[in-house]
Amino acid sequence: ANFYGNTTFSRSPVFSNGIELGSKDVLGDGWNPKGGRNAVVWWNQVGSGSLKYWMEQKSDRRLKENITDTAVKALDKINRLRMVAFDFIENKKHEEIGLIA
């Protein structure tokens, strides 16, 4: 199927062979049908390339077992991230906090 313009689905669509998007953004509202709320998904890619990643909404403690502390010192990795403020060129929208890929 080809969709041009805005498309609304009354149920969540299932894509079995990937999704291709032209030069548009990928957005998500963080809604979880099993209850709870997850982080907003926002992906904006400038230029060509691909995103290959599996995203699931499995952050709820009720969906997990055998939860233990990890030896990974993630704070060191987080502290190396460079947070920036910026303006989008196309619509001049200002983002107060973000990361540059």
N, C-alpha and C. Protein backbone atom coordinates (compact mmCIF):
# COMPACT_ATOMS: atom_id res chain seq x y z
N ALA A 1 0.84 -1.18 0.00
CA ALA A 1 0.00 0.00 0.00
C ALA A 1 0.88 1.24 0.00
N ASN A 2 0.44 2.26 -0.63
CA ASN A 2 1.12 3.55 -0.62
C ASN A 2 0.21 4.57 0.06
N PHE A 3 0.77 5.30 1.00
CA PHE A 3 0.00 6.32 1.70
C PHE A 3 0.65 7.67 1.42
N TYR A 4 -0.14 8.62 0.98
CA TYR A 4 0.36 9.96 0.71
C TYR A 4 -0.37 10.92 1.63
N GLY A 5 0.34 11.87 2.20
CA GLY A 5 -0.28 12.79 3.15
C GLY A 5 -0.36 12.14 4.52
N ASN A 6 -1.32 12.55 5.31
CA ASN A 6 -1.50 11.99 6.65
C ASN A 6 -2.34 10.73 6.59
N THR A 7 -1.93 9.72 7.33
CA THR A 7 -2.67 8.46 7.39
C THR A 7 -2.93 8.12 8.85
N THR A 8 -4.16 7.78 9.17
CA THR A 8 -4.53 7.43 10.53
C THR A 8 -5.02 5.99 10.55
N PHE A 9 -4.51 5.22 11.50
CA PHE A 9 -4.94 3.84 11.68
C PHE A 9 -5.76 3.75 12.96
N SER A 10 -6.89 3.05 12.92
CA SER A 10 -7.69 2.89 14.13
C SER A 10 -7.10 1.84 15.06
N ARG A 11 -6.25 0.97 14.52
CA ARG A 11 -5.52 -0.01 15.32
C ARG A 11 -4.05 0.11 14.95
N SER A 12 -3.18 -0.41 15.77
CA SER A 12 -1.74 -0.34 15.48
C SER A 12 -1.41 -1.18 14.26
N PRO A 13 -0.78 -0.59 13.25
CA PRO A 13 -0.42 -1.37 12.06
C PRO A 13 0.74 -2.31 12.36
N VAL A 14 0.78 -3.44 11.69
CA VAL A 14 1.86 -4.41 11.82
C VAL A 14 2.55 -4.50 10.46
N PHE A 15 3.85 -4.27 10.44
CA PHE A 15 4.63 -4.33 9.22
C PHE A 15 5.55 -5.55 9.31
N SER A 16 5.42 -6.49 8.41
CA SER A 16 6.20 -7.72 8.50
C SER A 16 7.47 -7.68 7.66
N ASN A 17 7.64 -6.66 6.84
CA ASN A 17 8.82 -6.61 5.98
C ASN A 17 9.49 -5.24 6.03
N GLY A 18 9.44 -4.57 7.18
CA GLY A 18 10.11 -3.29 7.33
C GLY A 18 9.24 -2.11 6.97
N ILE A 19 9.76 -0.93 7.24
CA ILE A 19 9.09 0.33 6.94
C ILE A 19 10.09 1.22 6.24
N GLU A 20 9.70 1.82 5.15
CA GLU A 20 10.56 2.78 4.46
C GLU A 20 9.88 4.13 4.51
N LEU A 21 10.63 5.13 4.93
CA LEU A 21 10.12 6.49 5.00
C LEU A 21 11.01 7.38 4.17
N GLY A 22 10.42 8.30 3.44
CA GLY A 22 11.22 9.23 2.65
C GLY A 22 12.07 10.11 3.53
N SER A 23 11.76 11.36 3.62
CA SER A 23 12.56 12.30 4.42
C SER A 23 11.75 12.79 5.61
N LYS A 24 10.94 11.93 6.17
CA LYS A 24 10.06 12.35 7.26
C LYS A 24 10.59 11.86 8.61
N ASP A 25 9.92 12.29 9.65
CA ASP A 25 10.30 11.95 11.02
C ASP A 25 9.55 10.71 11.49
N VAL A 26 10.11 10.03 12.45
CA VAL A 26 9.43 8.93 13.13
C VAL A 26 9.08 9.43 14.52
N LEU A 27 7.82 9.37 14.87
CA LEU A 27 7.36 9.90 16.15
C LEU A 27 6.61 8.81 16.91
N GLY A 28 6.60 8.93 18.20
CA GLY A 28 5.79 8.03 19.03
C GLY A 28 5.34 8.79 20.26
N ASP A 29 4.17 8.44 20.77
CA ASP A 29 3.65 9.19 21.91
C ASP A 29 3.90 8.52 23.25
N GLY A 30 4.55 7.37 23.25
CA GLY A 30 4.84 6.69 24.50
C GLY A 30 3.67 5.93 25.08
N TRP A 31 2.59 5.80 24.34
CA TRP A 31 1.42 5.09 24.83
C TRP A 31 1.67 3.60 24.85
N ASN A 32 1.25 2.94 25.89
CA ASN A 32 1.44 1.50 26.03
C ASN A 32 0.08 0.87 26.28
N PRO A 33 -0.43 0.04 25.37
CA PRO A 33 -1.76 -0.53 25.55
C PRO A 33 -1.90 -1.44 26.76
N LYS A 34 -0.80 -1.92 27.32
CA LYS A 34 -0.85 -2.78 28.50
C LYS A 34 -0.88 -1.97 29.78
N GLY A 35 -0.91 -0.66 29.67
CA GLY A 35 -0.92 0.21 30.85
C GLY A 35 0.43 0.84 31.05
N GLY A 36 0.45 1.92 31.78
CA GLY A 36 1.71 2.62 32.03
C GLY A 36 2.06 3.57 30.91
N ARG A 37 3.22 4.15 31.01
CA ARG A 37 3.66 5.14 30.02
C ARG A 37 5.15 4.96 29.81
N ASN A 38 5.59 5.00 28.58
CA ASN A 38 7.00 4.88 28.25
C ASN A 38 7.49 6.18 27.63
N ALA A 39 8.78 6.27 27.43
CA ALA A 39 9.39 7.48 26.89
C ALA A 39 8.93 7.75 25.47
N VAL A 40 8.92 9.01 25.11
CA VAL A 40 8.58 9.44 23.75
C VAL A 40 9.68 8.99 22.79
N VAL A 41 9.30 8.55 21.62
CA VAL A 41 10.25 8.17 20.57
C VAL A 41 10.27 9.30 19.56
N TRP A 42 11.45 9.79 19.22
CA TRP A 42 11.60 10.83 18.20
C TRP A 42 12.86 10.51 17.44
N TRP A 43 12.74 10.33 16.14
CA TRP A 43 13.92 10.06 15.33
C TRP A 43 13.87 10.98 14.13
N ASN A 44 14.91 11.74 13.94
CA ASN A 44 14.99 12.65 12.82
C ASN A 44 16.35 12.45 12.19
N GLN A 45 16.37 11.97 10.97
CA GLN A 45 17.63 11.69 10.29
C GLN A 45 17.80 12.66 9.14
N VAL A 46 18.95 13.29 9.08
CA VAL A 46 19.27 14.19 7.98
C VAL A 46 20.25 13.47 7.08
N GLY A 47 19.98 13.40 5.80
CA GLY A 47 20.87 12.70 4.88
C GLY A 47 20.40 11.27 4.69
N SER A 48 21.25 10.47 4.08
CA SER A 48 20.87 9.09 3.80
C SER A 48 21.46 8.15 4.84
N GLY A 49 20.87 7.02 4.97
CA GLY A 49 21.34 6.03 5.93
C GLY A 49 20.19 5.13 6.31
N SER A 50 20.39 4.34 7.32
CA SER A 50 19.32 3.44 7.73
C SER A 50 19.33 3.30 9.24
N LEU A 51 18.21 2.95 9.77
CA LEU A 51 18.06 2.69 11.19
C LEU A 51 17.63 1.24 11.32
N LYS A 52 18.45 0.45 11.97
CA LYS A 52 18.10 -0.95 12.19
C LYS A 52 18.14 -1.18 13.68
N TYR A 53 16.99 -1.22 14.28
CA TYR A 53 16.90 -1.34 15.73
C TYR A 53 15.54 -1.90 16.08
N TRP A 54 15.48 -2.71 17.08
CA TRP A 54 14.22 -3.26 17.54
C TRP A 54 13.79 -2.50 18.78
N MET A 55 12.62 -1.92 18.76
CA MET A 55 12.13 -1.16 19.90
C MET A 55 10.92 -1.88 20.47
N GLU A 56 10.94 -2.10 21.75
CA GLU A 56 9.80 -2.71 22.42
C GLU A 56 9.46 -1.90 23.65
N GLN A 57 8.25 -2.00 24.08
CA GLN A 57 7.82 -1.31 25.29
C GLN A 57 7.83 -2.30 26.44
N LYS A 58 9.00 -2.64 26.90
CA LYS A 58 9.13 -3.62 27.98
C LYS A 58 9.87 -3.02 29.17
N SER A 59 9.60 -1.77 29.49
CA SER A 59 10.29 -1.14 30.61
C SER A 59 9.55 -1.34 31.94
N ASP A 60 8.36 -1.86 31.89
CA ASP A 60 7.56 -2.05 33.10
C ASP A 60 8.11 -3.20 33.95
N ARG A 61 8.35 -2.93 35.21
CA ARG A 61 8.89 -3.92 36.15
C ARG A 61 7.99 -5.17 36.23
N ARG A 62 6.70 -4.99 36.04
CA ARG A 62 5.77 -6.12 36.13
C ARG A 62 5.97 -7.13 35.01
N LEU A 63 6.69 -6.77 33.96
CA LEU A 63 6.92 -7.67 32.83
C LEU A 63 8.25 -8.40 32.92
N LYS A 64 8.98 -8.24 34.03
CA LYS A 64 10.33 -8.79 34.14
C LYS A 64 10.47 -9.64 35.39
N GLU A 65 11.50 -10.47 35.38
CA GLU A 65 11.85 -11.26 36.57
C GLU A 65 13.36 -11.36 36.66
N ASN A 66 13.87 -11.90 37.75
CA ASN A 66 15.32 -12.04 37.97
C ASN A 66 16.04 -10.70 37.85
N ILE A 67 15.48 -9.66 38.39
CA ILE A 67 16.06 -8.32 38.32
C ILE A 67 17.17 -8.21 39.36
N THR A 68 18.38 -7.93 38.89
CA THR A 68 19.53 -7.77 39.79
C THR A 68 20.34 -6.56 39.35
N ASP A 69 21.15 -6.02 40.26
CA ASP A 69 22.05 -4.93 39.91
C ASP A 69 23.08 -5.43 38.91
N THR A 70 23.54 -4.54 38.05
CA THR A 70 24.54 -4.89 37.04
C THR A 70 25.90 -4.31 37.42
N ALA A 71 26.95 -4.92 36.89
CA ALA A 71 28.30 -4.41 37.12
C ALA A 71 28.65 -3.27 36.17
N VAL A 72 27.82 -3.05 35.15
CA VAL A 72 28.08 -1.99 34.17
C VAL A 72 27.93 -0.64 34.85
N LYS A 73 28.92 0.22 34.68
CA LYS A 73 28.89 1.58 35.24
C LYS A 73 28.33 2.52 34.17
N ALA A 74 27.03 2.50 34.01
CA ALA A 74 26.38 3.25 32.94
C ALA A 74 26.49 4.75 33.12
N LEU A 75 26.63 5.23 34.34
CA LEU A 75 26.72 6.66 34.56
C LEU A 75 27.93 7.26 33.85
N ASP A 76 29.04 6.52 33.78
CA ASP A 76 30.21 6.99 33.04
C ASP A 76 29.86 7.20 31.57
N LYS A 77 29.11 6.29 30.99
CA LYS A 77 28.72 6.41 29.59
C LYS A 77 27.74 7.57 29.39
N ILE A 78 26.80 7.70 30.30
CA ILE A 78 25.83 8.78 30.22
C ILE A 78 26.51 10.14 30.34
N ASN A 79 27.47 10.25 31.23
CA ASN A 79 28.17 11.52 31.42
C ASN A 79 29.00 11.93 30.21
N ARG A 80 29.30 10.99 29.31
CA ARG A 80 30.06 11.33 28.10
C ARG A 80 29.16 11.85 26.98
N LEU A 81 27.84 11.74 27.15
CA LEU A 81 26.93 12.29 26.14
C LEU A 81 26.99 13.81 26.17
N ARG A 82 26.96 14.43 25.00
CA ARG A 82 27.02 15.89 24.90
C ARG A 82 25.62 16.42 24.61
N MET A 83 25.01 16.98 25.61
CA MET A 83 23.67 17.54 25.46
C MET A 83 23.78 18.92 24.82
N VAL A 84 22.89 19.21 23.88
CA VAL A 84 22.93 20.49 23.17
C VAL A 84 21.52 21.08 23.05
N ALA A 85 21.46 22.37 22.83
CA ALA A 85 20.24 23.06 22.41
C ALA A 85 20.44 23.41 20.94
N PHE A 86 19.36 23.43 20.16
CA PHE A 86 19.52 23.70 18.73
C PHE A 86 18.20 24.15 18.12
N ASP A 87 18.28 24.68 16.89
CA ASP A 87 17.11 25.06 16.10
C ASP A 87 17.09 24.21 14.83
N PHE A 88 15.93 23.67 14.49
CA PHE A 88 15.79 22.95 13.23
C PHE A 88 15.84 23.96 12.08
N ILE A 89 16.54 23.63 11.02
CA ILE A 89 16.68 24.52 9.87
C ILE A 89 15.33 24.71 9.18
N GLU A 90 14.60 23.62 8.95
CA GLU A 90 13.38 23.66 8.14
C GLU A 90 12.28 24.52 8.75
N ASN A 91 11.98 24.33 10.03
CA ASN A 91 10.84 25.05 10.62
C ASN A 91 11.23 26.00 11.75
N LYS A 92 12.53 26.15 11.99
CA LYS A 92 13.06 27.06 13.02
C LYS A 92 12.63 26.68 14.44
N LYS A 93 12.05 25.48 14.62
CA LYS A 93 11.63 25.05 15.95
C LYS A 93 12.85 24.87 16.83
N HIS A 94 12.78 25.42 18.03
CA HIS A 94 13.89 25.35 18.98
C HIS A 94 13.72 24.14 19.89
N GLU A 95 14.77 23.39 20.07
CA GLU A 95 14.80 22.28 21.03
C GLU A 95 15.77 22.67 22.13
N GLU A 96 15.31 22.68 23.35
CA GLU A 96 16.13 23.10 24.48
C GLU A 96 17.15 22.04 24.87
N ILE A 97 16.83 20.78 24.61
CA ILE A 97 17.75 19.70 24.98
C ILE A 97 17.70 18.61 23.92
N GLY A 98 18.85 18.10 23.55
CA GLY A 98 18.90 17.04 22.54
C GLY A 98 20.31 16.50 22.39
N LEU A 99 20.43 15.55 21.49
CA LEU A 99 21.71 14.93 21.15
C LEU A 99 21.90 15.02 19.64
N ILE A 100 23.11 15.15 19.19
CA ILE A 100 23.43 15.15 17.77
C ILE A 100 24.07 13.81 17.43
N ALA A 101 23.52 13.13 16.43
CA ALA A 101 24.06 11.81 16.04
C ALA A 101 25.43 11.96 15.41
